[in-house]
Amino acid sequence: MDGNGRWASKRGLPRSEGHRIGLEVAKSIVQAASRMGMKYLSLYVFSTENWKRTIDEVGFLMGLINKHLRSELKFYRDNNIRIVHSGDPAGLPAEVLAQIREVESETSGFQGLTLNLAINYGGRDELVRAMRRIAARYGSLPAVIDEEAISQALDRPDLPDPDLIIRTAGEYRLSNFLVWEAAYSELWFSEKLWPDFKPADFESALDEYLRRERRFGGNG
């Protein structure tokens, strides 16, 4: 969900306003996904690299995340949306982590859309933490580690690999998002900055995805 800061700067607004509008857009996409009967949606909310931003911007983003999780619990309940978290919990402010855990617990039994919030997440960091989990399980890293062992040690082994990854703001890279899980994901890019991204754009991405033939390395 890229381009909040650029969107605000183009309008002479503080970057915080771009993030605020971007959050409203994210909710509209979640609503669209839920309405269409999608089972899984992941949002890259805050990356491990985002800590490099100014203290004020990071503080605003953490506060926005915390406020949103608290205020949108009724929305999740009303729409049968289950919330899960990907990312390193150790680096998060205590109040943000507590709010994440509360919302996860409150929505754990819901059977509609599963919304995966990637907060303090980085794909490489996830793989490092996966290796540590495997080492902790066996006392050290075993001589042979297969793909299944790694997949089961990731943050969300209960979620399927993403079928489609959407990137906005004219950026044509994954930027450390789900680097293991995205091995065979279809990619779709938009020039639109995230605050300008609409449910109609989301549906266009899904329509194009449905027209693609996925071979997974076979019959190519």
Protein backbone atom coordinates (compact mmCIF):
# COMPACT_ATOMS: atom_id res chain seq x y z
CA MET A 1 0.00 0.00 0.00
CA ASP A 2 2.57 2.53 -1.18
CA GLY A 3 2.37 6.26 -1.86
CA ASN A 4 0.71 7.84 1.18
CA GLY A 5 3.51 10.31 1.78
CA ARG A 6 3.84 11.28 -1.89
CA TRP A 7 0.06 11.74 -2.13
CA ALA A 8 0.12 14.17 0.80
CA SER A 9 3.19 16.05 -0.44
CA LYS A 10 1.63 16.65 -3.85
CA ARG A 11 -1.27 18.37 -2.09
CA GLY A 12 0.82 20.40 0.33
CA LEU A 13 -0.41 18.29 3.24
CA PRO A 14 1.57 16.66 6.07
CA ARG A 15 2.54 13.03 5.48
CA SER A 16 0.32 12.07 8.41
CA GLU A 17 -2.74 13.09 6.38
CA GLY A 18 -1.68 10.71 3.62
CA HIS A 19 -1.44 7.88 6.14
CA ARG A 20 -4.86 8.75 7.57
CA ILE A 21 -6.51 8.70 4.15
CA GLY A 22 -4.55 5.56 3.26
CA LEU A 23 -6.08 3.80 6.25
CA GLU A 24 -9.58 4.72 5.06
CA VAL A 25 -8.72 3.27 1.64
CA ALA A 26 -7.47 0.08 3.27
CA LYS A 27 -10.80 -0.30 5.07
CA SER A 28 -12.69 0.11 1.78
CA ILE A 29 -10.56 -2.64 0.20
CA VAL A 30 -11.15 -4.92 3.19
CA GLN A 31 -14.90 -4.29 2.84
CA ALA A 32 -14.73 -5.13 -0.88
CA ALA A 33 -12.77 -8.31 -0.25
CA SER A 34 -15.22 -9.40 2.45
CA ARG A 35 -18.21 -8.59 0.25
CA MET A 36 -16.77 -10.68 -2.62
CA GLY A 37 -16.33 -13.68 -0.34
CA MET A 38 -12.52 -13.71 -0.38
CA LYS A 39 -11.03 -15.92 2.31
CA TYR A 40 -7.63 -14.26 2.83
CA LEU A 41 -6.22 -10.76 2.47
CA SER A 42 -2.84 -9.50 3.70
CA LEU A 43 -1.99 -5.83 4.15
CA TYR A 44 1.61 -4.64 4.45
CA VAL A 45 0.99 -2.09 7.19
CA PHE A 46 4.46 -1.35 8.63
CA SER A 47 7.74 -2.87 7.49
CA THR A 48 10.94 -3.51 9.44
CA GLU A 49 12.49 -0.80 7.25
CA ASN A 50 9.87 1.80 8.19
CA TRP A 51 11.62 2.37 11.53
CA LYS A 52 14.14 4.45 9.52
CA ARG A 53 11.53 7.19 9.12
CA THR A 54 11.41 10.21 11.43
CA ILE A 55 10.48 9.69 15.07
CA ASP A 56 7.37 11.82 14.58
CA GLU A 57 6.16 9.81 11.58
CA VAL A 58 6.82 6.46 13.24
CA GLY A 59 5.04 7.65 16.37
CA PHE A 60 2.05 8.81 14.34
CA LEU A 61 1.88 5.48 12.47
CA MET A 62 2.03 3.43 15.68
CA GLY A 63 -0.69 5.58 17.20
CA LEU A 64 -2.82 5.27 14.07
CA ILE A 65 -2.46 1.49 14.07
CA ASN A 66 -3.35 1.29 17.76
CA LYS A 67 -6.39 3.57 17.39
CA HIS A 68 -7.63 1.73 14.29
CA LEU A 69 -7.44 -1.70 15.88
CA ARG A 70 -9.41 -0.48 18.87
CA SER A 71 -12.02 1.48 16.94
CA GLU A 72 -12.67 -1.09 14.21
CA LEU A 73 -13.37 -4.11 16.40
CA LYS A 74 -17.12 -3.70 15.86
CA PHE A 75 -16.53 -3.58 12.09
CA TYR A 76 -14.62 -6.86 12.28
CA ARG A 77 -17.37 -8.45 14.36
CA ASP A 78 -20.17 -7.21 12.09
CA ASN A 79 -18.40 -8.56 9.00
CA ASN A 80 -17.19 -11.85 10.53
CA ILE A 81 -13.55 -10.89 9.86
CA ARG A 82 -10.76 -12.76 11.62
CA ILE A 83 -7.61 -10.73 12.36
CA VAL A 84 -4.14 -12.28 12.47
CA HIS A 85 -0.68 -10.70 12.67
CA SER A 86 2.55 -11.29 10.77
CA GLY A 87 5.79 -9.70 11.89
CA ASP A 88 8.17 -9.55 14.83
CA PRO A 89 6.19 -8.76 17.99
CA ALA A 90 9.36 -8.06 19.98
CA GLY A 91 9.98 -4.71 18.29
CA LEU A 92 6.48 -3.29 18.72
CA PRO A 93 5.38 -0.82 21.41
CA ALA A 94 3.70 -2.67 24.27
CA GLU A 95 0.33 -0.95 23.78
CA VAL A 96 0.27 -1.77 20.05
CA LEU A 97 1.15 -5.42 20.66
CA ALA A 98 -1.49 -5.67 23.39
CA GLN A 99 -4.11 -4.26 21.01
CA ILE A 100 -3.09 -6.71 18.27
CA ARG A 101 -3.38 -9.65 20.66
CA GLU A 102 -6.77 -8.46 21.93
CA VAL A 103 -8.22 -8.13 18.43
CA GLU A 104 -6.77 -11.50 17.42
CA SER A 105 -8.41 -13.10 20.45
CA GLU A 106 -11.75 -11.34 19.97
CA THR A 107 -12.00 -12.40 16.30
CA SER A 108 -10.36 -15.84 16.48
CA GLY A 109 -13.60 -17.72 15.91
CA PHE A 110 -14.83 -15.76 12.91
CA GLN A 111 -15.22 -17.70 9.67
CA GLY A 112 -15.34 -14.98 7.02
CA LEU A 113 -12.35 -13.12 5.63
CA THR A 114 -9.03 -13.66 7.41
CA LEU A 115 -7.22 -10.32 7.42
CA ASN A 116 -3.48 -10.67 7.93
CA LEU A 117 -1.90 -7.44 9.19
CA ALA A 118 1.84 -7.34 8.52
CA ILE A 119 3.13 -4.97 11.22
CA ASN A 120 6.87 -4.73 11.92
CA TYR A 121 7.21 -7.28 9.14
CA GLY A 122 10.06 -8.03 6.75
CA GLY A 123 10.36 -11.11 4.57
CA ARG A 124 14.04 -11.67 5.31
CA ASP A 125 13.47 -11.05 9.00
CA GLU A 126 10.69 -13.65 8.94
CA LEU A 127 13.07 -16.22 7.46
CA VAL A 128 15.71 -15.44 10.10
CA ARG A 129 13.13 -15.88 12.84
CA ALA A 130 11.94 -19.11 11.19
CA MET A 131 15.48 -20.52 11.36
CA ARG A 132 15.65 -19.57 15.02
CA ARG A 133 12.36 -21.36 15.68
CA ILE A 134 13.66 -24.50 13.97
CA ALA A 135 16.91 -24.33 15.94
CA ALA A 136 15.00 -23.87 19.19
CA ARG A 137 12.83 -26.86 18.37
CA TYR A 138 15.79 -29.17 17.77
CA GLY A 139 18.38 -27.59 20.04
CA SER A 140 20.37 -26.53 16.94
CA LEU A 141 19.77 -26.33 13.22
CA PRO A 142 19.35 -29.88 11.85
CA ALA A 143 21.62 -31.04 9.04
CA VAL A 144 18.67 -31.32 6.67
CA ILE A 145 15.95 -28.68 6.49
CA ASP A 146 13.24 -29.09 3.86
CA GLU A 147 10.71 -26.62 2.48
CA GLU A 148 7.93 -27.96 4.69
CA ALA A 149 9.98 -27.35 7.84
CA ILE A 150 10.61 -23.74 6.83
CA SER A 151 6.98 -23.15 5.84
CA GLN A 152 5.77 -24.44 9.20
CA ALA A 153 8.18 -22.16 11.06
CA LEU A 154 6.99 -18.96 9.35
CA ASP A 155 4.80 -16.41 11.11
CA ARG A 156 1.52 -17.68 9.64
CA PRO A 157 1.84 -21.36 8.66
CA ASP A 158 -1.95 -21.54 8.82
CA LEU A 159 -2.35 -19.20 5.82
CA PRO A 160 -1.94 -20.25 2.17
CA ASP A 161 0.65 -18.58 -0.04
CA PRO A 162 -0.78 -15.48 -1.74
CA ASP A 163 -2.27 -16.00 -5.20
CA LEU A 164 -1.93 -12.33 -6.12
CA ILE A 165 0.24 -9.48 -4.84
CA ILE A 166 -0.80 -5.91 -5.65
CA ARG A 167 1.71 -3.04 -5.47
CA THR A 168 0.71 0.60 -5.89
CA ALA A 169 2.47 3.93 -6.60
CA GLY A 170 4.43 2.80 -9.65
CA GLU A 171 6.86 0.65 -7.65
CA TYR A 172 7.83 -2.61 -9.36
CA ARG A 173 9.32 -4.71 -6.59
CA LEU A 174 8.27 -6.78 -3.59
CA SER A 175 10.19 -4.63 -1.07
CA ASN A 176 10.80 -7.51 1.33
CA PHE A 177 7.16 -8.62 1.44
CA LEU A 178 6.45 -12.35 1.85
CA VAL A 179 9.68 -13.29 0.06
CA TRP A 180 9.24 -17.01 0.79
CA GLU A 181 5.48 -17.17 0.30
CA ALA A 182 5.49 -15.11 -2.93
CA ALA A 183 7.54 -17.62 -4.96
CA TYR A 184 4.65 -18.34 -7.35
CA SER A 185 2.36 -15.38 -6.68
CA GLU A 186 1.01 -13.41 -9.59
CA LEU A 187 2.06 -9.74 -9.48
CA TRP A 188 -0.05 -6.71 -10.42
CA PHE A 189 1.20 -3.12 -10.37
CA SER A 190 -0.65 0.17 -10.34
CA GLU A 191 0.66 3.68 -11.00
CA LYS A 192 -1.91 5.06 -8.56
CA LEU A 193 -0.77 6.27 -5.16
CA TRP A 194 -2.46 4.25 -2.43
CA PRO A 195 -4.88 7.00 -1.27
CA ASP A 196 -6.23 7.11 -4.86
CA PHE A 197 -6.68 3.34 -5.06
CA LYS A 198 -10.36 2.37 -5.14
CA PRO A 199 -12.33 -0.87 -4.84
CA ALA A 200 -12.81 -0.66 -8.63
CA ASP A 201 -9.02 -0.83 -9.04
CA PHE A 202 -8.94 -3.80 -6.71
CA GLU A 203 -11.58 -5.52 -8.81
CA SER A 204 -9.60 -4.74 -11.99
CA ALA A 205 -6.58 -6.48 -10.49
CA LEU A 206 -8.69 -9.52 -9.63
CA ASP A 207 -10.24 -9.59 -13.11
CA GLU A 208 -6.80 -9.62 -14.73
CA TYR A 209 -5.61 -12.31 -12.32
CA LEU A 210 -8.54 -14.53 -13.30
CA ARG A 211 -7.52 -14.24 -16.95
CA ARG A 212 -4.00 -15.46 -16.29
CA GLU A 213 -2.94 -19.08 -16.69
CA ARG A 214 -0.87 -20.25 -13.74
CA ARG A 215 1.56 -23.05 -14.60
CA PHE A 216 3.72 -23.25 -11.45
CA GLY A 217 6.72 -24.21 -13.56
CA GLY A 218 4.93 -26.90 -15.57
CA ASN A 219 3.73 -27.02 -19.19
CA GLY A 220 5.58 -23.81 -19.99
